[in-house]
PDB file of N, CA and C in Angstrom:
ATOM      1  N   MET A   1      83.957 116.626 115.335  1.00  0.00           N
ATOM      2  CA  MET A   1      84.296 117.788 115.193  1.00  0.00           C
ATOM      3  C   MET A   1      83.712 118.561 116.648  1.00  0.00           C
ATOM      4  N   SER A   2      84.648 120.118 116.672  1.00  0.00           N
ATOM      5  CA  SER A   2      84.679 120.835 117.523  1.00  0.00           C
ATOM      6  C   SER A   2      83.834 121.781 117.312  1.00  0.00           C
ATOM      7  N   ASN A   3      83.109 123.123 118.060  1.00  0.00           N
ATOM      8  CA  ASN A   3      82.515 124.012 117.527  1.00  0.00           C
ATOM      9  C   ASN A   3      83.636 124.886 117.461  1.00  0.00           C
ATOM     10  N   SER A   4      84.776 125.451 117.097  1.00  0.00           N
ATOM     11  CA  SER A   4      85.627 125.535 116.703  1.00  0.00           C
ATOM     12  C   SER A   4      86.677 126.319 115.688  1.00  0.00           C
ATOM     13  N   VAL A   5      85.295 125.492 115.039  1.00  0.00           N
ATOM     14  CA  VAL A   5      85.884 126.079 113.801  1.00  0.00           C
ATOM     15  C   VAL A   5      84.787 126.598 112.836  1.00  0.00           C
ATOM     16  N   THR A   6      84.063 126.840 113.710  1.00  0.00           N
ATOM     17  CA  THR A   6      82.288 127.352 112.970  1.00  0.00           C
ATOM     18  C   THR A   6      82.822 128.679 112.195  1.00  0.00           C
ATOM     19  N   GLY A   7      83.726 129.388 112.761  1.00  0.00           N
ATOM     20  CA  GLY A   7      84.263 130.788 111.903  1.00  0.00           C
ATOM     21  C   GLY A   7      84.973 130.672 110.841  1.00  0.00           C
ATOM     22  N   LEU A   8      85.455 129.727 110.567  1.00  0.00           N
ATOM     23  CA  LEU A   8      86.297 129.526 109.711  1.00  0.00           C
ATOM     24  C   LEU A   8      85.639 129.256 108.154  1.00  0.00           C
ATOM     25  N   ALA A   9      85.967 130.007 107.293  1.00  0.00           N
ATOM     26  CA  ALA A   9      85.737 129.483 105.471  1.00  0.00           C
ATOM     27  C   ALA A   9      87.048 128.677 105.161  1.00  0.00           C
ATOM     28  N   ILE A  10      86.438 127.480 104.353  1.00  0.00           N
ATOM     29  CA  ILE A  10      87.403 126.601 104.061  1.00  0.00           C
ATOM     30  C   ILE A  10      87.015 126.584 102.369  1.00  0.00           C
ATOM     31  N   ASP A  11      88.376 126.707 101.651  1.00  0.00           N
ATOM     32  CA  ASP A  11      87.756 126.872 100.300  1.00  0.00           C
ATOM     33  C   ASP A  11      87.853 125.405  99.842  1.00  0.00           C
ATOM     34  N   LEU A  12      88.922 124.733  99.890  1.00  0.00           N
ATOM     35  CA  LEU A  12      88.683 123.422  99.401  1.00  0.00           C
ATOM     36  C   LEU A  12      89.338 122.151 100.990  1.00  0.00           C
ATOM     37  N   LEU A  13      88.727 121.377 100.709  1.00  0.00           N
ATOM     38  CA  LEU A  13      89.560 120.259 101.872  1.00  0.00           C
ATOM     39  C   LEU A  13      90.106 119.304 101.221  1.00  0.00           C
ATOM     40  N   VAL A  14      91.152 118.983 101.330  1.00  0.00           N
ATOM     41  CA  VAL A  14      91.851 118.171 100.468  1.00  0.00           C
ATOM     42  C   VAL A  14      92.620 116.898 101.517  1.00  0.00           C
ATOM     43  N   THR A  15      91.786 115.772 101.075  1.00  0.00           N
ATOM     44  CA  THR A  15      91.807 114.615 101.995  1.00  0.00           C
ATOM     45  C   THR A  15      92.178 112.945 101.689  1.00  0.00           C
ATOM     46  N   ASP A  16      92.557 112.279 102.301  1.00  0.00           N
ATOM     47  CA  ASP A  16      92.806 111.097 101.853  1.00  0.00           C
ATOM     48  C   ASP A  16      91.648 110.168 101.751  1.00  0.00           C
ATOM     49  N   VAL A  17      91.091 109.098 101.071  1.00  0.00           N
ATOM     50  CA  VAL A  17      90.548 108.627 100.805  1.00  0.00           C
ATOM     51  C   VAL A  17      90.265 107.661 102.187  1.00  0.00           C
ATOM     52  N   VAL A  18      91.414 107.204 102.879  1.00  0.00           N
ATOM     53  CA  VAL A  18      91.277 106.151 103.923  1.00  0.00           C
ATOM     54  C   VAL A  18      92.228 106.609 104.443  1.00  0.00           C
ATOM     55  N   MET A  19      91.646 106.510 105.959  1.00  0.00           N
ATOM     56  CA  MET A  19      92.740 107.125 107.206  1.00  0.00           C
ATOM     57  C   MET A  19      92.347 106.259 108.275  1.00  0.00           C
ATOM     58  N   PRO A  20      93.338 106.550 109.077  1.00  0.00           N
ATOM     59  CA  PRO A  20      92.813 105.097 110.378  1.00  0.00           C
ATOM     60  C   PRO A  20      91.610 105.431 110.962  1.00  0.00           C
ATOM     61  N   GLY A  21      90.256 104.898 111.307  1.00  0.00           N
ATOM     62  CA  GLY A  21      89.220 105.119 111.913  1.00  0.00           C
ATOM     63  C   GLY A  21      88.428 105.380 111.479  1.00  0.00           C
ATOM     64  N   GLY A  22      88.752 106.081 109.590  1.00  0.00           N
ATOM     65  CA  GLY A  22      87.123 106.208 109.327  1.00  0.00           C
ATOM     66  C   GLY A  22      87.761 106.668 107.415  1.00  0.00           C
ATOM     67  N   THR A  23      86.945 107.433 107.212  1.00  0.00           N
ATOM     68  CA  THR A  23      87.256 107.604 105.940  1.00  0.00           C
ATOM     69  C   THR A  23      87.122 108.607 105.469  1.00  0.00           C
ATOM     70  N   GLY A  24      87.656 109.652 104.855  1.00  0.00           N
ATOM     71  CA  GLY A  24      88.122 110.951 104.110  1.00  0.00           C
ATOM     72  C   GLY A  24      86.687 111.179 103.319  1.00  0.00           C
ATOM     73  N   ARG A  25      85.945 110.401 103.598  1.00  0.00           N
ATOM     74  CA  ARG A  25      84.049 110.724 102.313  1.00  0.00           C
ATOM     75  C   ARG A  25      83.752 111.255 103.786  1.00  0.00           C
ATOM     76  N   ASP A  26      83.786 110.315 105.234  1.00  0.00           N
ATOM     77  CA  ASP A  26      83.300 110.383 106.255  1.00  0.00           C
ATOM     78  C   ASP A  26      83.503 111.949 106.702  1.00  0.00           C
ATOM     79  N   LEU A  27      85.147 112.288 106.627  1.00  0.00           N
ATOM     80  CA  LEU A  27      85.312 113.616 106.514  1.00  0.00           C
ATOM     81  C   LEU A  27      85.092 114.961 106.235  1.00  0.00           C
ATOM     82  N   ALA A  28      84.651 114.256 104.854  1.00  0.00           N
ATOM     83  CA  ALA A  28      84.562 115.376 103.845  1.00  0.00           C
ATOM     84  C   ALA A  28      82.362 116.050 104.071  1.00  0.00           C
ATOM     85  N   ARG A  29      81.666 114.853 104.217  1.00  0.00           N
ATOM     86  CA  ARG A  29      80.314 115.040 105.126  1.00  0.00           C
ATOM     87  C   ARG A  29      80.157 115.702 105.844  1.00  0.00           C
ATOM     88  N   GLU A  30      81.218 115.840 106.342  1.00  0.00           N
ATOM     89  CA  GLU A  30      80.840 116.494 108.069  1.00  0.00           C
ATOM     90  C   GLU A  30      81.144 118.069 108.201  1.00  0.00           C
ATOM     91  N   ILE A  31      81.913 118.201 107.580  1.00  0.00           N
ATOM     92  CA  ILE A  31      82.429 119.687 107.529  1.00  0.00           C
ATOM     93  C   ILE A  31      81.788 120.416 106.359  1.00  0.00           C
ATOM     94  N   VAL A  32      81.582 119.501 105.019  1.00  0.00           N
ATOM     95  CA  VAL A  32      80.491 120.325 104.207  1.00  0.00           C
ATOM     96  C   VAL A  32      79.134 120.294 104.744  1.00  0.00           C
ATOM     97  N   ALA A  33      78.876 119.456 105.743  1.00  0.00           N
ATOM     98  CA  ALA A  33      77.566 119.943 106.670  1.00  0.00           C
ATOM     99  C   ALA A  33      77.419 120.895 107.313  1.00  0.00           C
ATOM    100  N   ARG A  34      78.517 121.608 107.762  1.00  0.00           N
ATOM    101  CA  ARG A  34      78.942 122.578 108.493  1.00  0.00           C
ATOM    102  C   ARG A  34      79.526 124.056 107.314  1.00  0.00           C
ATOM    103  N   ARG A  35      80.362 123.752 106.057  1.00  0.00           N
ATOM    104  CA  ARG A  35      80.719 124.679 105.688  1.00  0.00           C
ATOM    105  C   ARG A  35      79.832 123.862 103.651  1.00  0.00           C
ATOM    106  N   PRO A  36      78.880 124.729 103.615  1.00  0.00           N
ATOM    107  CA  PRO A  36      78.377 123.893 102.480  1.00  0.00           C
ATOM    108  C   PRO A  36      78.934 124.529 101.053  1.00  0.00           C
ATOM    109  N   ASP A  37      79.837 125.246 101.246  1.00  0.00           N
ATOM    110  CA  ASP A  37      80.163 126.132 100.327  1.00  0.00           C
ATOM    111  C   ASP A  37      81.874 125.326 100.048  1.00  0.00           C
ATOM    112  N   THR A  38      82.119 124.394 101.421  1.00  0.00           N
ATOM    113  CA  THR A  38      83.287 123.925 101.032  1.00  0.00           C
ATOM    114  C   THR A  38      83.715 122.814  99.575  1.00  0.00           C
ATOM    115  N   LYS A  39      84.880 122.799  98.938  1.00  0.00           N
ATOM    116  CA  LYS A  39      84.606 122.060  97.791  1.00  0.00           C
ATOM    117  C   LYS A  39      85.606 120.607  98.581  1.00  0.00           C
ATOM    118  N   VAL A  40      85.784 119.633  97.472  1.00  0.00           N
ATOM    119  CA  VAL A  40      86.610 118.466  98.443  1.00  0.00           C
ATOM    120  C   VAL A  40      87.345 118.016  96.973  1.00  0.00           C
ATOM    121  N   LEU A  41      88.120 117.420  97.170  1.00  0.00           N
ATOM    122  CA  LEU A  41      89.300 116.843  96.552  1.00  0.00           C
ATOM    123  C   LEU A  41      89.680 115.755  97.483  1.00  0.00           C
ATOM    124  N   TYR A  42      89.672 114.065  96.976  1.00  0.00           N
ATOM    125  CA  TYR A  42      90.130 113.066  97.507  1.00  0.00           C
ATOM    126  C   TYR A  42      91.867 112.809  97.254  1.00  0.00           C
ATOM    127  N   MET A  43      92.364 112.496  97.528  1.00  0.00           N
ATOM    128  CA  MET A  43      93.572 111.709  97.316  1.00  0.00           C
ATOM    129  C   MET A  43      93.740 110.540  98.179  1.00  0.00           C
ATOM    130  N   SER A  44      94.823 109.815  97.143  1.00  0.00           N
ATOM    131  CA  SER A  44      95.168 108.485  97.598  1.00  0.00           C
ATOM    132  C   SER A  44      96.472 108.047  97.072  1.00  0.00           C
ATOM    133  N   GLY A  45      97.232 106.893  97.472  1.00  0.00           N
ATOM    134  CA  GLY A  45      98.112 106.344  96.834  1.00  0.00           C
ATOM    135  C   GLY A  45      97.421 105.024  95.954  1.00  0.00           C
ATOM    136  N   TYR A  46      96.565 104.405  95.714  1.00  0.00           N
ATOM    137  CA  TYR A  46      95.563 103.978  94.783  1.00  0.00           C
ATOM    138  C   TYR A  46      95.016 104.759  93.530  1.00  0.00           C
ATOM    139  N   PRO A  47      95.777 103.837  92.360  1.00  0.00           N
ATOM    140  CA  PRO A  47      95.640 104.388  91.279  1.00  0.00           C
ATOM    141  C   PRO A  47      94.610 104.794  90.983  1.00  0.00           C
ATOM    142  N   ASP A  48      93.017 104.854  90.957  1.00  0.00           N
ATOM    143  CA  ASP A  48      92.173 106.059  90.716  1.00  0.00           C
ATOM    144  C   ASP A  48      91.622 105.560  91.629  1.00  0.00           C
ATOM    145  N   ALA A  49      90.223 106.664  91.794  1.00  0.00           N
ATOM    146  CA  ALA A  49      89.445 106.797  92.414  1.00  0.00           C
ATOM    147  C   ALA A  49      88.423 105.564  92.659  1.00  0.00           C
ATOM    148  N   GLY A  50      87.936 104.172  92.104  1.00  0.00           N
ATOM    149  CA  GLY A  50      87.485 102.545  91.925  1.00  0.00           C
ATOM    150  C   GLY A  50      88.588 102.052  92.126  1.00  0.00           C
ATOM    151  N   GLY A  51      89.286 102.886  92.083  1.00  0.00           N
ATOM    152  CA  GLY A  51      90.816 101.903  93.101  1.00  0.00           C
ATOM    153  C   GLY A  51      90.386 101.524  94.120  1.00  0.00           C
ATOM    154  N   SER A  52      90.250 102.418  94.922  1.00  0.00           N
ATOM    155  CA  SER A  52      90.503 102.346  96.622  1.00  0.00           C
ATOM    156  C   SER A  52      89.369 100.222  97.051  1.00  0.00           C
ATOM    157  N   PRO A  53      90.019  99.665  98.095  1.00  0.00           N
ATOM    158  CA  PRO A  53      89.655  98.584  98.116  1.00  0.00           C
ATOM    159  C   PRO A  53      88.343  98.540  99.033  1.00  0.00           C
ATOM    160  N   GLN A  54      88.500  99.810  99.561  1.00  0.00           N
ATOM    161  CA  GLN A  54      86.905  99.565 100.591  1.00  0.00           C
ATOM    162  C   GLN A  54      86.006 100.743  99.651  1.00  0.00           C
ATOM    163  N   GLY A  55      86.456 101.052  98.306  1.00  0.00           N
ATOM    164  CA  GLY A  55      85.028 101.897  97.607  1.00  0.00           C
ATOM    165  C   GLY A  55      84.181 102.390  97.538  1.00  0.00           C
ATOM    166  N   VAL A  56      85.079 103.588  98.411  1.00  0.00           N
ATOM    167  CA  VAL A  56      84.496 104.589  99.412  1.00  0.00           C
ATOM    168  C   VAL A  56      84.073 106.051  98.552  1.00  0.00           C
ATOM    169  N   LEU A  57      84.093 106.020  96.965  1.00  0.00           N
ATOM    170  CA  LEU A  57      84.082 107.430  96.613  1.00  0.00           C
ATOM    171  C   LEU A  57      83.302 106.650  95.249  1.00  0.00           C
ATOM    172  N   GLU A  58      82.228 107.469  95.272  1.00  0.00           N
ATOM    173  CA  GLU A  58      81.357 107.678  93.757  1.00  0.00           C
ATOM    174  C   GLU A  58      81.776 107.580  92.490  1.00  0.00           C
ATOM    175  N   PRO A  59      81.803 106.941  91.260  1.00  0.00           N
ATOM    176  CA  PRO A  59      82.301 107.570  90.309  1.00  0.00           C
ATOM    177  C   PRO A  59      81.575 109.336  90.165  1.00  0.00           C
ATOM    178  N   GLY A  60      82.832 110.012  89.658  1.00  0.00           N
ATOM    179  CA  GLY A  60      82.760 111.496  89.358  1.00  0.00           C
ATOM    180  C   GLY A  60      83.415 112.200  90.432  1.00  0.00           C
ATOM    181  N   VAL A  61      83.658 111.865  91.764  1.00  0.00           N
ATOM    182  CA  VAL A  61      83.776 112.358  93.032  1.00  0.00           C
ATOM    183  C   VAL A  61      85.291 112.737  92.227  1.00  0.00           C
ATOM    184  N   PRO A  62      85.836 114.433  92.393  1.00  0.00           N
ATOM    185  CA  PRO A  62      87.485 114.485  92.543  1.00  0.00           C
ATOM    186  C   PRO A  62      88.148 113.873  93.096  1.00  0.00           C
ATOM    187  N   PHE A  63      89.384 113.197  92.377  1.00  0.00           N
ATOM    188  CA  PHE A  63      89.833 112.156  93.011  1.00  0.00           C
ATOM    189  C   PHE A  63      91.207 112.854  92.471  1.00  0.00           C
ATOM    190  N   CYS A  64      92.691 112.515  93.285  1.00  0.00           N
ATOM    191  CA  CYS A  64      93.997 113.169  92.612  1.00  0.00           C
ATOM    192  C   CYS A  64      94.791 112.047  93.331  1.00  0.00           C
ATOM    193  N   ALA A  65      95.400 111.072  92.521  1.00  0.00           N
ATOM    194  CA  ALA A  65      96.125 109.835  92.627  1.00  0.00           C
ATOM    195  C   ALA A  65      97.585 110.631  93.345  1.00  0.00           C
ATOM    196  N   ARG A  66      98.071 109.676  94.470  1.00  0.00           N
ATOM    197  CA  ARG A  66      99.569 110.220  94.760  1.00  0.00           C
ATOM    198  C   ARG A  66     100.507 110.697  93.721  1.00  0.00           C
ATOM    199  N   ASN A  67     100.662 110.272  92.852  1.00  0.00           N
ATOM    200  CA  ASN A  67     101.571 111.182  91.742  1.00  0.00           C
ATOM    201  C   ASN A  67     100.744 112.212  90.820  1.00  0.00           C
ATOM    202  N   ALA A  68      99.514 112.598  90.465  1.00  0.00           N
ATOM    203  CA  ALA A  68      98.704 113.108  89.959  1.00  0.00           C
ATOM    204  C   ALA A  68      99.611 115.202  90.150  1.00  0.00           C
ATOM    205  N   ARG A  69      98.993 116.046  89.718  1.00  0.00           N
ATOM    206  CA  ARG A  69      99.661 117.428  89.741  1.00  0.00           C
ATOM    207  C   ARG A  69      98.829 117.972  91.136  1.00  0.00           C
ATOM    208  N   LEU A  70      98.513 117.923  91.998  1.00  0.00           N
ATOM    209  CA  LEU A  70      97.795 118.450  93.086  1.00  0.00           C
ATOM    210  C   LEU A  70      97.331 120.138  93.007  1.00  0.00           C
ATOM    211  N   LYS A  71      98.076 120.641  92.205  1.00  0.00           N
ATOM    212  CA  LYS A  71      98.318 122.315  91.946  1.00  0.00           C
ATOM    213  C   LYS A  71      96.968 122.285  90.814  1.00  0.00           C
ATOM    214  N   ARG A  72      97.010 121.587  89.630  1.00  0.00           N
ATOM    215  CA  ARG A  72      95.866 121.321  88.474  1.00  0.00           C
ATOM    216  C   ARG A  72      94.665 120.650  89.015  1.00  0.00           C
ATOM    217  N   LYS A  73      94.778 119.905  89.699  1.00  0.00           N
ATOM    218  CA  LYS A  73      93.511 119.329  90.117  1.00  0.00           C
ATOM    219  C   LYS A  73      92.735 120.168  91.417  1.00  0.00           C
ATOM    220  N   SER A  74      93.657 120.703  92.007  1.00  0.00           N
ATOM    221  CA  SER A  74      92.579 121.640  92.934  1.00  0.00           C
ATOM    222  C   SER A  74      92.012 122.727  92.372  1.00  0.00           C
ATOM    223  N   ALA A  75      92.783 123.173  91.421  1.00  0.00           N
ATOM    224  CA  ALA A  75      92.604 124.234  90.800  1.00  0.00           C
ATOM    225  C   ALA A  75      91.153 123.858  89.730  1.00  0.00           C
ATOM    226  N   SER A  76      90.949 122.593  89.019  1.00  0.00           N
ATOM    227  CA  SER A  76      89.598 122.246  88.594  1.00  0.00           C
ATOM    228  C   SER A  76      88.491 122.293  89.201  1.00  0.00           C
ATOM    229  N   VAL A  77      89.056 121.579  90.818  1.00  0.00           N
ATOM    230  CA  VAL A  77      87.488 121.909  91.619  1.00  0.00           C
ATOM    231  C   VAL A  77      87.177 122.979  92.336  1.00  0.00           C
ATOM    232  N   LEU A  78      88.040 124.177  92.208  1.00  0.00           N
ATOM    233  CA  LEU A  78      87.929 125.660  92.621  1.00  0.00           C
ATOM    234  C   LEU A  78      87.208 126.144  92.227  1.00  0.00           C
ATOM    235  N   MET A  79      87.832 126.259  90.591  1.00  0.00           N
ATOM    236  CA  MET A  79      87.026 126.615  89.477  1.00  0.00           C
ATOM    237  C   MET A  79      87.369 125.747  88.283  1.00  0.00           C
ATOM    238  N   PRO A  80      85.778 125.048  88.486  1.00  0.00           N
ATOM    239  CA  PRO A  80      85.880 124.317  87.198  1.00  0.00           C
ATOM    240  C   PRO A  80      84.798 124.775  86.038  1.00  0.00           C
ATOM    241  N   SER A  81      84.773 126.087  85.445  1.00  0.00           N
ATOM    242  CA  SER A  81      84.490 126.385  84.110  1.00  0.00           C
ATOM    243  C   SER A  81      85.761 127.000  83.494  1.00  0.00           C
ATOM    244  N   ILE A  82      87.244 126.641  84.189  1.00  0.00           N
ATOM    245  CA  ILE A  82      88.463 126.935  83.760  1.00  0.00           C
ATOM    246  C   ILE A  82      88.779 125.963  83.297  1.00  0.00           C
ATOM    247  N   PRO A  83      89.364 125.874  82.083  1.00  0.00           N
ATOM    248  CA  PRO A  83      90.772 124.243  81.490  1.00  0.00           C
ATOM    249  C   PRO A  83      91.055 124.823  82.074  1.00  0.00           C
ATOM    250  N   THR A  84      91.521 123.416  82.386  1.00  0.00           N
ATOM    251  CA  THR A  84      92.855 122.900  82.954  1.00  0.00           C
ATOM    252  C   THR A  84      93.786 122.166  81.988  1.00  0.00           C
ATOM    253  N   ARG A  85      95.028 122.422  82.149  1.00  0.00           N
ATOM    254  CA  ARG A  85      96.142 121.488  81.178  1.00  0.00           C
ATOM    255  C   ARG A  85      96.468 119.817  81.332  1.00  0.00           C
TER     256      ARG A  85
END
């Protein structure tokens, strides 16, 4: 990652679980290392976080299946104390 992002605030990183040449987990680790306050939400066409064939997500990691409601899930990651329906 270039140093050109050093001045940016990133509230929420939404990334696919599996990407060409790497994983969303790898990307998130790199960004969170530079921006520790960044929240991360993983997405995938796989039915659930444990369903990824590469097994890249740990249990309890915020995950949104492709058909889930992104707005609601991202709000629950950014503001975990606020209940969502």
